[in-house]
Every structure is written in C-alpha cells, then in structure tokens.
Amino acid sequence: MNKRFFRLVVVGAISCSFLFSSCIGPFALSNKLLSWNQTVSDKFVNAILFVVLSPAYAVTLTGDLLLFNTIEFWTGDNPIEAGVVKKVQGDNGVYTVETLENGYKIEDEAGQISQFIYDKESNTWSLVANEKTTKLITISDDNKRAIVYLPNGEERNVELSDRGVLALQQYVENSQVYFAAK
C-alpha cells in the first residue's frame, strides 16, 4: 500500500510537471470570483462572504489550475476571459467594453460600435467601425518590429522599444498625419 501511494504521487508529480510546465496562468475564474466579492462595500460582509465562499474558491482554483490555465498555455486562449463586459468612464462618456475571443467590442452611449480585432495568422490588429476594416499594426514574428498603418495610408516600420515608439510619436507630431487623414 505504501509503495503504491508513493508511485501514485511520483506519477502525479511528473504528469503535473509536463502539464503545467512554466505556466502560472492568470487564474481568470478565481479572479472573477474575487473581483465580485470585492465589490461588496462593507468590509465585514466581504470577510464573511470570503469565508462562506471558501469552497467556491477551492473549486475555481482547482478549475483554473487543472483546466483553464492549461488550455491557455497550450492554445494561447483562456475560455474564461472571453465575454467579459465592463463599463469604462472615458472623456466623452461611458463605454461598454466586451472581451471577444479575438479582440474587443466597444460601444458608446449612442450605440456606436467599434471592434478591435486581432488576426493571429498575420499577427495584425485592426479596427472595424462603420462596416469598414482598417489595419492598425502588424507585429513581426520576433516581436521586435512592427508595421504601423497611419490614417493617411502611409506605413511606418517601428522598432518595438522606447526609442522606436518615441521616433514614431515625433514623426506623427511633426508630419501631422492624423490631421491629413480623410
């Protein structure tokens, strides 16, 4: 019995080392539960809820550890994070931001919808607004350079560093490409 238990522990440890190799993961499900619990305004009620919900925390941590973080490690996508909807206060009003599998959907108070869409194959972010798709940025495979698509139709190669971003910012400010856009 003792040898069998020891073998089971060793096999489990080796299996876990392959399944969870170098991936801590975002623990999205557990963080959602924690975020909800933190919305309670009274700290005493919050503490009581935390104790009462401790079995739920155990279940969400186990789900994140064994399933969702592993899915994200191998596929790059976490099924829990898609579909998150948040209200964001901006300079021009309140926006509803929804996390999609491949980007974000943003709706303003007037009902105008824009989407930031990520194409994994081309490593490109685009803006979809008013039934028109506009490429914004394509990131190189080595994540060291990018092509930025400016509103006037010009494309700029940018080094993904402080220096490269500063050079792009200075170029945009000096050339006023955003004011020349149609």
C-alpha atoms as a PDB file:
ATOM      1  CA  MET A   1       0.000   0.000   0.000  1.00  0.00           C
ATOM      2  CA  ASN A   2       2.806   2.417   0.890  1.00  0.00           C
ATOM      3  CA  LYS A   3       4.698   1.687  -2.378  1.00  0.00           C
ATOM      4  CA  ARG A   4       1.516   2.118  -4.387  1.00  0.00           C
ATOM      5  CA  PHE A   5       0.792   5.511  -2.790  1.00  0.00           C
ATOM      6  CA  PHE A   6       4.391   6.628  -3.389  1.00  0.00           C
ATOM      7  CA  ARG A   7       4.195   5.593  -7.078  1.00  0.00           C
ATOM      8  CA  LEU A   8       0.900   7.434  -7.466  1.00  0.00           C
ATOM      9  CA  VAL A   9       2.421  10.612  -6.012  1.00  0.00           C
ATOM     10  CA  VAL A  10       5.501  10.347  -8.264  1.00  0.00           C
ATOM     11  CA  VAL A  11       3.398   9.727 -11.386  1.00  0.00           C
ATOM     12  CA  GLY A  12       1.112  12.633 -10.440  1.00  0.00           C
ATOM     13  CA  ALA A  13       4.068  14.962  -9.884  1.00  0.00           C
ATOM     14  CA  ILE A  14       5.671  14.031 -13.200  1.00  0.00           C
ATOM     15  CA  SER A  15       2.343  14.442 -15.018  1.00  0.00           C
ATOM     16  CA  CYS A  16       1.836  17.858 -13.464  1.00  0.00           C
ATOM     17  CA  SER A  17       5.338  18.934 -14.447  1.00  0.00           C
ATOM     18  CA  PHE A  18       4.510  18.183 -18.095  1.00  0.00           C
ATOM     19  CA  LEU A  19       1.015  19.666 -17.995  1.00  0.00           C
ATOM     20  CA  PHE A  20       1.921  22.871 -16.174  1.00  0.00           C
ATOM     21  CA  SER A  21       5.461  23.480 -17.381  1.00  0.00           C
ATOM     22  CA  SER A  22       6.441  27.073 -16.668  1.00  0.00           C
ATOM     23  CA  CYS A  23       2.897  28.402 -16.764  1.00  0.00           C
ATOM     24  CA  ILE A  24       1.481  30.142 -13.752  1.00  0.00           C
ATOM     25  CA  GLY A  25      -1.504  31.424 -15.699  1.00  0.00           C
ATOM     26  CA  PRO A  26      -3.937  34.251 -14.983  1.00  0.00           C
ATOM     27  CA  PHE A  27      -6.363  32.238 -12.772  1.00  0.00           C
ATOM     28  CA  ALA A  28      -9.193  34.084 -14.557  1.00  0.00           C
ATOM     29  CA  LEU A  29     -12.084  32.181 -12.962  1.00  0.00           C
ATOM     30  CA  SER A  30     -10.730  32.640  -9.439  1.00  0.00           C
ATOM     31  CA  ASN A  31     -10.038  36.309 -10.103  1.00  0.00           C
ATOM     32  CA  LYS A  32     -13.594  36.817 -11.357  1.00  0.00           C
ATOM     33  CA  LEU A  33     -14.962  35.384  -8.113  1.00  0.00           C
ATOM     34  CA  LEU A  34     -12.553  37.503  -6.068  1.00  0.00           C
ATOM     35  CA  SER A  35     -13.422  40.651  -8.063  1.00  0.00           C
ATOM     36  CA  TRP A  36     -17.119  40.053  -7.492  1.00  0.00           C
ATOM     37  CA  ASN A  37     -16.513  39.517  -3.765  1.00  0.00           C
ATOM     38  CA  GLN A  38     -14.540  42.775  -3.576  1.00  0.00           C
ATOM     39  CA  THR A  39     -17.494  44.758  -4.955  1.00  0.00           C
ATOM     40  CA  VAL A  40     -19.249  44.397  -1.600  1.00  0.00           C
ATOM     41  CA  SER A  41     -18.833  47.778   0.063  1.00  0.00           C
ATOM     42  CA  ASP A  42     -18.797  46.656   3.703  1.00  0.00           C
ATOM     43  CA  LYS A  43     -15.540  45.012   4.777  1.00  0.00           C
ATOM     44  CA  PHE A  44     -17.252  42.794   7.368  1.00  0.00           C
ATOM     45  CA  VAL A  45     -19.752  41.431   4.844  1.00  0.00           C
ATOM     46  CA  ASN A  46     -16.857  40.971   2.436  1.00  0.00           C
ATOM     47  CA  ALA A  47     -14.937  38.939   5.047  1.00  0.00           C
ATOM     48  CA  ILE A  48     -17.988  36.804   5.829  1.00  0.00           C
ATOM     49  CA  LEU A  49     -18.601  36.154   2.127  1.00  0.00           C
ATOM     50  CA  PHE A  50     -14.956  35.165   1.690  1.00  0.00           C
ATOM     51  CA  VAL A  51     -15.248  32.553   4.462  1.00  0.00           C
ATOM     52  CA  VAL A  52     -18.648  31.300   3.286  1.00  0.00           C
ATOM     53  CA  LEU A  53     -17.432  31.084  -0.312  1.00  0.00           C
ATOM     54  CA  SER A  54     -14.169  29.304   0.552  1.00  0.00           C
ATOM     55  CA  PRO A  55     -15.432  26.040  -1.021  1.00  0.00           C
ATOM     56  CA  ALA A  56     -16.214  28.017  -4.199  1.00  0.00           C
ATOM     57  CA  TYR A  57     -12.700  29.472  -4.149  1.00  0.00           C
ATOM     58  CA  ALA A  58     -11.301  25.940  -3.865  1.00  0.00           C
ATOM     59  CA  VAL A  59     -13.351  24.815  -6.862  1.00  0.00           C
ATOM     60  CA  THR A  60     -12.389  27.826  -9.002  1.00  0.00           C
ATOM     61  CA  LEU A  61      -8.700  27.498  -8.100  1.00  0.00           C
ATOM     62  CA  THR A  62      -8.773  23.804  -8.991  1.00  0.00           C
ATOM     63  CA  GLY A  63     -10.542  24.556 -12.288  1.00  0.00           C
ATOM     64  CA  ASP A  64      -8.019  27.252 -13.150  1.00  0.00           C
ATOM     65  CA  LEU A  65      -5.047  25.120 -12.117  1.00  0.00           C
ATOM     66  CA  LEU A  66      -6.047  21.888 -13.827  1.00  0.00           C
ATOM     67  CA  LEU A  67      -8.098  23.065 -16.786  1.00  0.00           C
ATOM     68  CA  PHE A  68      -8.276  26.726 -17.817  1.00  0.00           C
ATOM     69  CA  ASN A  69      -4.620  27.704 -17.291  1.00  0.00           C
ATOM     70  CA  THR A  70      -3.541  24.544 -19.107  1.00  0.00           C
ATOM     71  CA  ILE A  71      -5.853  25.336 -22.038  1.00  0.00           C
ATOM     72  CA  GLU A  72      -4.394  28.838 -22.196  1.00  0.00           C
ATOM     73  CA  PHE A  73      -0.816  27.526 -22.037  1.00  0.00           C
ATOM     74  CA  TRP A  74      -1.296  25.150 -24.973  1.00  0.00           C
ATOM     75  CA  THR A  75      -3.680  27.209 -27.134  1.00  0.00           C
ATOM     76  CA  GLY A  76      -2.890  30.785 -26.102  1.00  0.00           C
ATOM     77  CA  ASP A  77      -6.575  31.480 -25.348  1.00  0.00           C
ATOM     78  CA  ASN A  78      -8.345  31.324 -21.994  1.00  0.00           C
ATOM     79  CA  PRO A  79     -12.035  30.398 -22.412  1.00  0.00           C
ATOM     80  CA  ILE A  80     -12.944  32.229 -19.193  1.00  0.00           C
ATOM     81  CA  GLU A  81     -11.623  35.608 -20.353  1.00  0.00           C
ATOM     82  CA  ALA A  82     -13.774  35.828 -23.499  1.00  0.00           C
ATOM     83  CA  GLY A  83     -17.119  37.504 -22.928  1.00  0.00           C
ATOM     84  CA  VAL A  84     -16.032  39.800 -20.078  1.00  0.00           C
ATOM     85  CA  VAL A  85     -18.071  43.017 -20.205  1.00  0.00           C
ATOM     86  CA  LYS A  86     -17.006  46.174 -18.370  1.00  0.00           C
ATOM     87  CA  LYS A  87     -18.222  49.755 -18.241  1.00  0.00           C
ATOM     88  CA  VAL A  88     -15.433  52.305 -18.687  1.00  0.00           C
ATOM     89  CA  GLN A  89     -15.704  56.034 -18.000  1.00  0.00           C
ATOM     90  CA  GLY A  90     -13.953  57.954 -20.777  1.00  0.00           C
ATOM     91  CA  ASP A  91     -13.515  61.641 -21.531  1.00  0.00           C
ATOM     92  CA  ASN A  92     -16.553  61.539 -23.839  1.00  0.00           C
ATOM     93  CA  GLY A  93     -18.885  59.374 -21.755  1.00  0.00           C
ATOM     94  CA  VAL A  94     -19.320  55.779 -20.641  1.00  0.00           C
ATOM     95  CA  TYR A  95     -18.234  52.939 -22.911  1.00  0.00           C
ATOM     96  CA  THR A  96     -19.155  49.268 -22.720  1.00  0.00           C
ATOM     97  CA  VAL A  97     -16.127  47.083 -23.480  1.00  0.00           C
ATOM     98  CA  GLU A  98     -16.632  43.381 -24.184  1.00  0.00           C
ATOM     99  CA  THR A  99     -13.733  40.963 -24.453  1.00  0.00           C
ATOM    100  CA  LEU A 100     -14.058  38.756 -27.530  1.00  0.00           C
ATOM    101  CA  GLU A 101     -12.058  35.653 -28.429  1.00  0.00           C
ATOM    102  CA  ASN A 102     -10.090  37.695 -30.958  1.00  0.00           C
ATOM    103  CA  GLY A 103     -10.250  41.232 -29.590  1.00  0.00           C
ATOM    104  CA  TYR A 104     -12.604  43.784 -28.090  1.00  0.00           C
ATOM    105  CA  LYS A 105     -16.022  45.242 -28.874  1.00  0.00           C
ATOM    106  CA  ILE A 106     -16.590  48.826 -27.708  1.00  0.00           C
ATOM    107  CA  GLU A 107     -19.985  50.532 -27.648  1.00  0.00           C
ATOM    108  CA  ASP A 108     -20.562  54.151 -26.710  1.00  0.00           C
ATOM    109  CA  GLU A 109     -23.690  55.596 -25.096  1.00  0.00           C
ATOM    110  CA  ALA A 110     -25.161  56.458 -28.504  1.00  0.00           C
ATOM    111  CA  GLY A 111     -24.930  52.808 -29.597  1.00  0.00           C
ATOM    112  CA  GLN A 112     -21.974  53.260 -31.972  1.00  0.00           C
ATOM    113  CA  ILE A 113     -19.969  50.021 -32.085  1.00  0.00           C
ATOM    114  CA  SER A 114     -16.281  49.621 -32.863  1.00  0.00           C
ATOM    115  CA  GLN A 115     -14.210  46.468 -32.657  1.00  0.00           C
ATOM    116  CA  PHE A 116     -10.501  45.929 -32.254  1.00  0.00           C
ATOM    117  CA  ILE A 117      -9.843  42.559 -33.917  1.00  0.00           C
ATOM    118  CA  TYR A 118      -6.652  40.506 -33.720  1.00  0.00           C
ATOM    119  CA  ASP A 119      -5.766  38.195 -36.632  1.00  0.00           C
ATOM    120  CA  LYS A 120      -3.492  35.512 -35.216  1.00  0.00           C
ATOM    121  CA  GLU A 121      -2.247  34.320 -38.635  1.00  0.00           C
ATOM    122  CA  SER A 122      -0.913  37.709 -39.708  1.00  0.00           C
ATOM    123  CA  ASN A 123      -0.250  38.991 -36.143  1.00  0.00           C
ATOM    124  CA  THR A 124      -2.285  42.104 -37.017  1.00  0.00           C
ATOM    125  CA  TRP A 125      -4.656  44.330 -35.025  1.00  0.00           C
ATOM    126  CA  SER A 126      -7.419  46.067 -36.992  1.00  0.00           C
ATOM    127  CA  LEU A 127     -10.241  48.468 -36.216  1.00  0.00           C
ATOM    128  CA  VAL A 128     -13.712  47.648 -37.524  1.00  0.00           C
ATOM    129  CA  ALA A 129     -16.053  50.653 -37.454  1.00  0.00           C
ATOM    130  CA  ASN A 130     -18.929  51.727 -39.705  1.00  0.00           C
ATOM    131  CA  GLU A 131     -18.616  48.474 -41.687  1.00  0.00           C
ATOM    132  CA  LYS A 132     -15.029  49.387 -42.618  1.00  0.00           C
ATOM    133  CA  THR A 133     -11.905  47.470 -41.550  1.00  0.00           C
ATOM    134  CA  THR A 134      -8.712  49.452 -41.043  1.00  0.00           C
ATOM    135  CA  LYS A 135      -5.387  47.812 -40.242  1.00  0.00           C
ATOM    136  CA  LEU A 136      -3.657  49.418 -37.268  1.00  0.00           C
ATOM    137  CA  ILE A 137      -0.490  47.439 -36.596  1.00  0.00           C
ATOM    138  CA  THR A 138       1.256  44.242 -37.680  1.00  0.00           C
ATOM    139  CA  ILE A 139       3.811  42.874 -35.244  1.00  0.00           C
ATOM    140  CA  SER A 140       6.807  40.900 -36.524  1.00  0.00           C
ATOM    141  CA  ASP A 141       7.180  37.257 -35.561  1.00  0.00           C
ATOM    142  CA  ASP A 142      10.142  38.048 -33.299  1.00  0.00           C
ATOM    143  CA  ASN A 143       8.170  40.849 -31.514  1.00  0.00           C
ATOM    144  CA  LYS A 144      10.986  43.340 -32.151  1.00  0.00           C
ATOM    145  CA  ARG A 145       9.489  45.350 -35.013  1.00  0.00           C
ATOM    146  CA  ALA A 146       6.064  46.379 -36.222  1.00  0.00           C
ATOM    147  CA  ILE A 147       4.417  48.000 -39.198  1.00  0.00           C
ATOM    148  CA  VAL A 148       2.137  50.839 -38.119  1.00  0.00           C
ATOM    149  CA  TYR A 149      -0.564  51.840 -40.601  1.00  0.00           C
ATOM    150  CA  LEU A 150      -1.162  55.593 -40.406  1.00  0.00           C
ATOM    151  CA  PRO A 151      -4.503  57.264 -41.266  1.00  0.00           C
ATOM    152  CA  ASN A 152      -3.073  58.927 -44.387  1.00  0.00           C
ATOM    153  CA  GLY A 153      -2.299  55.473 -45.879  1.00  0.00           C
ATOM    154  CA  GLU A 154       1.391  55.555 -45.040  1.00  0.00           C
ATOM    155  CA  GLU A 155       3.097  52.560 -43.409  1.00  0.00           C
ATOM    156  CA  ARG A 156       5.928  53.026 -40.912  1.00  0.00           C
ATOM    157  CA  ASN A 157       8.354  50.352 -39.693  1.00  0.00           C
ATOM    158  CA  VAL A 158       8.785  50.801 -35.955  1.00  0.00           C
ATOM    159  CA  GLU A 159      11.238  49.220 -33.559  1.00  0.00           C
ATOM    160  CA  LEU A 160       9.295  47.941 -30.535  1.00  0.00           C
ATOM    161  CA  SER A 161      11.316  49.788 -27.927  1.00  0.00           C
ATOM    162  CA  ASP A 162      11.118  53.109 -26.108  1.00  0.00           C
ATOM    163  CA  ARG A 163      13.321  54.648 -28.774  1.00  0.00           C
ATOM    164  CA  GLY A 164      11.210  53.306 -31.647  1.00  0.00           C
ATOM    165  CA  VAL A 165       7.911  54.430 -30.122  1.00  0.00           C
ATOM    166  CA  LEU A 166       9.373  57.882 -29.395  1.00  0.00           C
ATOM    167  CA  ALA A 167      10.567  58.149 -33.009  1.00  0.00           C
ATOM    168  CA  LEU A 168       7.057  57.266 -34.262  1.00  0.00           C
ATOM    169  CA  GLN A 169       5.480  59.783 -31.889  1.00  0.00           C
ATOM    170  CA  GLN A 170       7.826  62.524 -33.081  1.00  0.00           C
ATOM    171  CA  TYR A 171       7.175  61.625 -36.721  1.00  0.00           C
ATOM    172  CA  VAL A 172       3.404  61.804 -36.229  1.00  0.00           C
ATOM    173  CA  GLU A 173       3.609  65.105 -34.348  1.00  0.00           C
ATOM    174  CA  ASN A 174       5.914  66.688 -36.938  1.00  0.00           C
ATOM    175  CA  SER A 175       4.088  65.468 -40.039  1.00  0.00           C
ATOM    176  CA  GLN A 176       0.566  65.877 -38.646  1.00  0.00           C
ATOM    177  CA  VAL A 177      -0.575  62.704 -40.468  1.00  0.00           C
ATOM    178  CA  TYR A 178      -3.618  62.445 -38.221  1.00  0.00           C
ATOM    179  CA  PHE A 179      -4.851  65.830 -39.404  1.00  0.00           C
ATOM    180  CA  ALA A 180      -4.223  64.930 -43.063  1.00  0.00           C
ATOM    181  CA  ALA A 181      -6.297  61.738 -42.864  1.00  0.00           C
ATOM    182  CA  LYS A 182      -9.533  61.660 -44.837  1.00  0.00           C
END
